[in-house]
Amino acid sequence: MKTIITFGTYDLLHVGHIRLLSRARALGDRLVVGVSSDQLNFSKKNKFPEFSEEERMEIISMIKGVDKVFLEESLELKASYLKEQEADILVMGDDWSGKFDHLKSICQVVYLPRTPSISTSAIIEKTRS
């Protein structure tokens, strides 16, 4: 059984999220998703998500093809998460390209192209203007 793992904030779920999760799932038999905690998101983006970590985890857990969801509390713990989840492949969007290559000694690392012209930040900006 091949386990795929990916991480993200998944705030204001959109088609780009669904496409990435679907493509990640197609690479293996089991898809594990680490949802960034509210605090981790604040440390990365200097803002909190629109939806709480509990709500985002619940939403992701309901998506067909997602087998397990857990809370990602630190970027520095990525290696530990990969080992704990027995990941065979780490999948990330290509906006992270090269940033997780140091984890290739633990599992294969794949960067998938993002869906063009869509992002949570753009959706938030558009709805607020």
Protein backbone atom coordinates (compact mmCIF):
# COMPACT_ATOMS: atom_id res chain seq x y z
CA MET A 1 0.00 0.00 0.00
CA LYS A 2 1.41 3.38 -1.06
CA THR A 3 0.70 6.30 1.28
CA ILE A 4 0.59 9.83 -0.10
CA ILE A 5 0.81 12.82 2.21
CA THR A 6 0.18 16.48 1.53
CA PHE A 7 -0.20 19.64 3.57
CA GLY A 8 -2.09 22.89 3.28
CA THR A 9 -4.27 25.47 4.94
CA TYR A 10 -7.37 24.64 2.82
CA ASP A 11 -9.17 27.84 3.78
CA LEU A 12 -12.16 28.71 1.58
CA LEU A 13 -11.99 25.39 -0.24
CA HIS A 14 -11.91 25.82 -4.01
CA VAL A 15 -11.44 23.79 -7.19
CA GLY A 16 -7.65 24.20 -7.01
CA HIS A 17 -7.62 22.40 -3.64
CA ILE A 18 -9.86 19.62 -4.94
CA ARG A 19 -7.75 19.12 -8.07
CA LEU A 20 -4.52 18.94 -6.06
CA LEU A 21 -6.01 16.42 -3.62
CA SER A 22 -7.40 14.34 -6.47
CA ARG A 23 -4.06 14.28 -8.32
CA ALA A 24 -2.23 13.45 -5.10
CA ARG A 25 -4.63 10.57 -4.34
CA ALA A 26 -4.12 9.16 -7.83
CA LEU A 27 -0.43 8.58 -6.98
CA GLY A 28 -1.17 5.98 -4.33
CA ASP A 29 -3.59 3.94 -2.27
CA ARG A 30 -4.03 6.14 0.80
CA LEU A 31 -4.15 9.94 1.10
CA VAL A 32 -3.20 11.62 4.37
CA VAL A 33 -3.69 15.39 4.66
CA GLY A 34 -2.00 17.67 7.17
CA VAL A 35 -4.10 20.78 7.72
CA SER A 36 -2.08 23.78 8.90
CA SER A 37 -3.05 24.99 12.37
CA ASP A 38 -4.39 28.49 12.81
CA GLN A 39 -1.15 29.48 14.55
CA LEU A 40 1.06 27.98 11.80
CA ASN A 41 -0.95 29.84 9.17
CA PHE A 42 -0.51 33.08 11.12
CA SER A 43 3.25 32.51 11.34
CA LYS A 44 3.48 31.91 7.56
CA LYS A 45 1.05 34.57 6.30
CA ASN A 46 0.67 36.99 9.20
CA LYS A 47 -3.08 36.38 9.22
CA PHE A 48 -5.48 33.79 10.54
CA PRO A 49 -7.62 31.68 8.20
CA GLU A 50 -11.28 32.56 7.67
CA PHE A 51 -12.30 29.13 9.00
CA SER A 52 -10.92 27.55 12.18
CA GLU A 53 -8.53 24.61 12.06
CA GLU A 54 -11.32 22.34 13.37
CA GLU A 55 -13.69 23.45 10.61
CA ARG A 56 -11.03 23.08 7.91
CA MET A 57 -10.10 19.60 9.15
CA GLU A 58 -13.76 18.57 9.13
CA ILE A 59 -14.23 19.87 5.57
CA ILE A 60 -11.12 18.07 4.27
CA SER A 61 -12.08 14.82 6.04
CA MET A 62 -15.35 14.78 4.07
CA ILE A 63 -13.67 14.84 0.66
CA LYS A 64 -13.81 11.61 -1.28
CA GLY A 65 -10.38 10.01 -1.46
CA VAL A 66 -9.03 11.57 1.74
CA ASP A 67 -8.31 8.75 4.17
CA LYS A 68 -6.91 10.62 7.16
CA VAL A 69 -6.58 14.22 8.33
CA PHE A 70 -4.32 15.56 11.08
CA LEU A 71 -3.25 18.95 12.38
CA GLU A 72 0.09 20.30 11.11
CA GLU A 73 1.50 22.52 13.85
CA SER A 74 5.00 23.30 12.52
CA LEU A 75 6.87 23.34 9.21
CA GLU A 76 9.93 22.10 11.12
CA LEU A 77 8.06 18.87 11.99
CA LYS A 78 7.49 17.82 8.36
CA ALA A 79 10.04 14.97 8.63
CA SER A 80 8.37 13.69 11.79
CA TYR A 81 4.94 13.82 10.15
CA LEU A 82 6.24 11.87 7.13
CA LYS A 83 7.67 9.16 9.38
CA GLU A 84 4.61 9.00 11.66
CA GLN A 85 2.27 8.62 8.70
CA GLU A 86 4.63 6.18 6.92
CA ALA A 87 4.51 8.34 3.80
CA ASP A 88 5.84 7.01 0.52
CA ILE A 89 5.28 10.25 -1.40
CA LEU A 90 5.05 13.87 -0.24
CA VAL A 91 2.96 15.95 -2.63
CA MET A 92 3.05 19.74 -2.58
CA GLY A 93 1.96 22.48 -4.95
CA ASP A 94 4.70 23.74 -7.24
CA ASP A 95 4.69 27.09 -5.45
CA TRP A 96 6.80 25.15 -2.88
CA SER A 97 9.10 23.71 -5.57
CA GLY A 98 12.49 22.73 -4.15
CA LYS A 99 11.64 23.71 -0.57
CA PHE A 100 11.15 20.14 0.61
CA ASP A 101 13.85 18.39 -1.41
CA HIS A 102 15.77 17.78 1.85
CA LEU A 103 13.05 15.24 2.74
CA LYS A 104 13.87 12.98 -0.22
CA SER A 105 15.82 10.68 2.12
CA ILE A 106 12.50 9.87 3.85
CA CYS A 107 10.16 9.58 0.87
CA GLN A 108 9.69 10.66 -2.73
CA VAL A 109 8.85 14.37 -3.10
CA VAL A 110 6.52 15.49 -5.90
CA TYR A 111 5.53 19.07 -6.74
CA LEU A 112 2.30 19.33 -8.71
CA PRO A 113 1.33 22.37 -10.80
CA ARG A 114 -1.23 24.63 -9.15
CA THR A 115 -4.52 25.41 -10.86
CA PRO A 116 -3.89 28.70 -12.71
CA SER A 117 -5.69 31.90 -11.74
CA ILE A 118 -7.20 30.70 -8.47
CA SER A 119 -6.12 31.16 -4.88
CA THR A 120 -7.78 31.61 -1.52
CA SER A 121 -6.13 35.01 -1.13
CA ALA A 122 -7.52 36.16 -4.49
CA ILE A 123 -11.01 34.92 -3.54
CA ILE A 124 -10.88 36.79 -0.23
CA GLU A 125 -9.63 39.96 -1.93
CA LYS A 126 -12.35 39.77 -4.59
CA THR A 127 -15.19 39.19 -2.12
CA ARG A 128 -14.05 42.02 0.14
CA SER A 129 -13.83 44.60 -2.64
